[in-house]
Amino acid sequence: MVDDIIGEDENEVERFLQQLGSSLEKLESVVEGHLESKIINQDYAAEVQRMGADRSRLAGSLDDAEARCQRLENVNREVSSRLVNAMETIRGVIDKSPRS
């Protein structure tokens, strides 16, 4: 009878140890998954930060290009105005010159 109780206790202890081992494996798996997820999230955060820096750099380049475009348009208008004035002056000189 004592042997039966000891045998039952050993079986119960063995079953609890198996449950504990299984629970520890599950916990380890969850922790590993969490750590992998954390690493992936850090990679995403770093990528978002790089994209933000690229966006800022590109926005600056776009602003510079727009400013340069505006300056070129202004110069183009000035050159066009000067050409019109030069043509009018030449036309006026030609109109005043005696014709043979």
C-alpha atoms as a PDB file:
ATOM      1  CA  MET A   1       0.000   0.000   0.000  1.00  0.00           C
ATOM      2  CA  VAL A   2       2.803   2.424   0.869  1.00  0.00           C
ATOM      3  CA  ASP A   3       4.482   1.429  -2.387  1.00  0.00           C
ATOM      4  CA  ASP A   4       1.281   2.273  -4.261  1.00  0.00           C
ATOM      5  CA  ILE A   5       1.119   5.718  -2.655  1.00  0.00           C
ATOM      6  CA  ILE A   6       4.809   6.335  -3.382  1.00  0.00           C
ATOM      7  CA  GLY A   7       4.310   5.136  -6.963  1.00  0.00           C
ATOM      8  CA  GLU A   8       1.298   7.420  -7.366  1.00  0.00           C
ATOM      9  CA  ASP A   9       3.242  10.337  -5.898  1.00  0.00           C
ATOM     10  CA  GLU A  10       6.144   9.633  -8.266  1.00  0.00           C
ATOM     11  CA  ASN A  11       3.739   9.472 -11.212  1.00  0.00           C
ATOM     12  CA  GLU A  12       2.105  12.704 -10.127  1.00  0.00           C
ATOM     13  CA  VAL A  13       5.493  14.402  -9.668  1.00  0.00           C
ATOM     14  CA  GLU A  14       6.550  13.133 -13.102  1.00  0.00           C
ATOM     15  CA  ARG A  15       3.339  14.482 -14.646  1.00  0.00           C
ATOM     16  CA  PHE A  16       3.850  17.871 -12.959  1.00  0.00           C
ATOM     17  CA  LEU A  17       7.463  17.972 -14.155  1.00  0.00           C
ATOM     18  CA  GLN A  18       6.297  17.241 -17.712  1.00  0.00           C
ATOM     19  CA  GLN A  19       3.683  20.009 -17.456  1.00  0.00           C
ATOM     20  CA  LEU A  20       6.319  22.352 -16.065  1.00  0.00           C
ATOM     21  CA  GLY A  21       8.709  21.464 -18.886  1.00  0.00           C
ATOM     22  CA  SER A  22       5.979  22.006 -21.470  1.00  0.00           C
ATOM     23  CA  SER A  23       5.025  25.334 -19.890  1.00  0.00           C
ATOM     24  CA  LEU A  24       8.654  26.466 -19.856  1.00  0.00           C
ATOM     25  CA  GLU A  25       9.034  25.562 -23.541  1.00  0.00           C
ATOM     26  CA  LYS A  26       5.906  27.569 -24.372  1.00  0.00           C
ATOM     27  CA  LEU A  27       7.149  30.500 -22.305  1.00  0.00           C
ATOM     28  CA  GLU A  28      10.528  30.360 -24.022  1.00  0.00           C
ATOM     29  CA  SER A  29       8.824  30.314 -27.413  1.00  0.00           C
ATOM     30  CA  VAL A  30       6.678  33.335 -26.504  1.00  0.00           C
ATOM     31  CA  VAL A  31       9.714  35.247 -25.208  1.00  0.00           C
ATOM     32  CA  GLU A  32      11.689  34.472 -28.382  1.00  0.00           C
ATOM     33  CA  GLY A  33       8.744  35.611 -30.498  1.00  0.00           C
ATOM     34  CA  HIS A  34       8.490  38.801 -28.477  1.00  0.00           C
ATOM     35  CA  LEU A  35      12.211  39.497 -28.879  1.00  0.00           C
ATOM     36  CA  GLU A  36      12.041  38.853 -32.625  1.00  0.00           C
ATOM     37  CA  SER A  37       9.028  41.135 -32.873  1.00  0.00           C
ATOM     38  CA  LYS A  38      10.879  43.822 -30.930  1.00  0.00           C
ATOM     39  CA  ILE A  39      13.876  43.555 -33.264  1.00  0.00           C
ATOM     40  CA  ILE A  40      11.606  43.779 -36.311  1.00  0.00           C
ATOM     41  CA  ASN A  41       9.859  46.826 -34.821  1.00  0.00           C
ATOM     42  CA  GLN A  42      13.236  48.470 -34.196  1.00  0.00           C
ATOM     43  CA  ASP A  43      14.145  47.799 -37.830  1.00  0.00           C
ATOM     44  CA  TYR A  44      10.862  49.379 -38.937  1.00  0.00           C
ATOM     45  CA  ALA A  45      11.437  52.379 -36.687  1.00  0.00           C
ATOM     46  CA  ALA A  46      14.931  52.829 -38.118  1.00  0.00           C
ATOM     47  CA  GLU A  47      13.548  52.568 -41.660  1.00  0.00           C
ATOM     48  CA  VAL A  48      10.844  55.146 -40.895  1.00  0.00           C
ATOM     49  CA  GLN A  49      13.513  57.437 -39.466  1.00  0.00           C
ATOM     50  CA  ARG A  50      15.645  57.020 -42.614  1.00  0.00           C
ATOM     51  CA  MET A  51      12.605  57.708 -44.777  1.00  0.00           C
ATOM     52  CA  GLY A  52      11.881  60.863 -42.756  1.00  0.00           C
ATOM     53  CA  ALA A  53      15.451  62.049 -43.264  1.00  0.00           C
ATOM     54  CA  ASP A  54      15.210  61.287 -47.000  1.00  0.00           C
ATOM     55  CA  ARG A  55      11.906  63.146 -47.179  1.00  0.00           C
ATOM     56  CA  SER A  56      13.448  66.187 -45.497  1.00  0.00           C
ATOM     57  CA  ARG A  57      16.431  66.083 -47.843  1.00  0.00           C
ATOM     58  CA  LEU A  58      14.185  65.721 -50.896  1.00  0.00           C
ATOM     59  CA  ALA A  59      11.908  68.532 -49.694  1.00  0.00           C
ATOM     60  CA  GLY A  60      14.956  70.777 -49.351  1.00  0.00           C
ATOM     61  CA  SER A  61      16.125  69.839 -52.834  1.00  0.00           C
ATOM     62  CA  LEU A  62      12.663  70.525 -54.222  1.00  0.00           C
ATOM     63  CA  ASP A  63      12.559  73.930 -52.529  1.00  0.00           C
ATOM     64  CA  ASP A  64      15.980  74.753 -54.000  1.00  0.00           C
ATOM     65  CA  ALA A  65      14.867  73.627 -57.457  1.00  0.00           C
ATOM     66  CA  GLU A  66      11.669  75.681 -57.240  1.00  0.00           C
ATOM     67  CA  ALA A  67      13.640  78.767 -56.186  1.00  0.00           C
ATOM     68  CA  ARG A  68      16.087  78.241 -59.058  1.00  0.00           C
ATOM     69  CA  CYS A  69      13.177  77.782 -61.475  1.00  0.00           C
ATOM     70  CA  GLN A  70      11.642  81.042 -60.261  1.00  0.00           C
ATOM     71  CA  ARG A  71      14.959  82.873 -60.731  1.00  0.00           C
ATOM     72  CA  LEU A  72      15.279  81.440 -64.256  1.00  0.00           C
ATOM     73  CA  GLU A  73      11.738  82.557 -65.094  1.00  0.00           C
ATOM     74  CA  ASN A  74      12.558  86.055 -63.860  1.00  0.00           C
ATOM     75  CA  VAL A  75      15.772  86.160 -65.907  1.00  0.00           C
ATOM     76  CA  ASN A  76      13.873  84.842 -68.931  1.00  0.00           C
ATOM     77  CA  ARG A  77      11.303  87.644 -68.606  1.00  0.00           C
ATOM     78  CA  GLU A  78      14.094  90.220 -68.266  1.00  0.00           C
ATOM     79  CA  VAL A  79      15.934  88.887 -71.326  1.00  0.00           C
ATOM     80  CA  SER A  80      12.707  88.816 -73.327  1.00  0.00           C
ATOM     81  CA  SER A  81      11.940  92.413 -72.345  1.00  0.00           C
ATOM     82  CA  ARG A  82      15.452  93.537 -73.317  1.00  0.00           C
ATOM     83  CA  LEU A  83      15.193  91.747 -76.662  1.00  0.00           C
ATOM     84  CA  VAL A  84      11.871  93.460 -77.394  1.00  0.00           C
ATOM     85  CA  ASN A  85      13.425  96.820 -76.486  1.00  0.00           C
ATOM     86  CA  ALA A  86      16.465  96.109 -78.678  1.00  0.00           C
ATOM     87  CA  MET A  87      14.258  95.115 -81.639  1.00  0.00           C
ATOM     88  CA  GLU A  88      12.159  98.251 -81.226  1.00  0.00           C
ATOM     89  CA  THR A  89      15.300 100.382 -81.106  1.00  0.00           C
ATOM     90  CA  ILE A  90      16.678  98.704 -84.236  1.00  0.00           C
ATOM     91  CA  ARG A  91      13.318  99.108 -86.000  1.00  0.00           C
ATOM     92  CA  GLY A  92      13.254 102.815 -85.007  1.00  0.00           C
ATOM     93  CA  VAL A  93      16.776 103.335 -86.356  1.00  0.00           C
ATOM     94  CA  ILE A  94      15.918 101.554 -89.602  1.00  0.00           C
ATOM     95  CA  ASP A  95      12.720 103.601 -90.006  1.00  0.00           C
ATOM     96  CA  LYS A  96      14.662 106.888 -89.520  1.00  0.00           C
ATOM     97  CA  SER A  97      17.479 106.064 -91.889  1.00  0.00           C
ATOM     98  CA  PRO A  98      17.240 107.559 -95.436  1.00  0.00           C
ATOM     99  CA  ARG A  99      16.344 105.093 -98.107  1.00  0.00           C
ATOM    100  CA  SER A 100      18.061 105.103-101.375  1.00  0.00           C
END
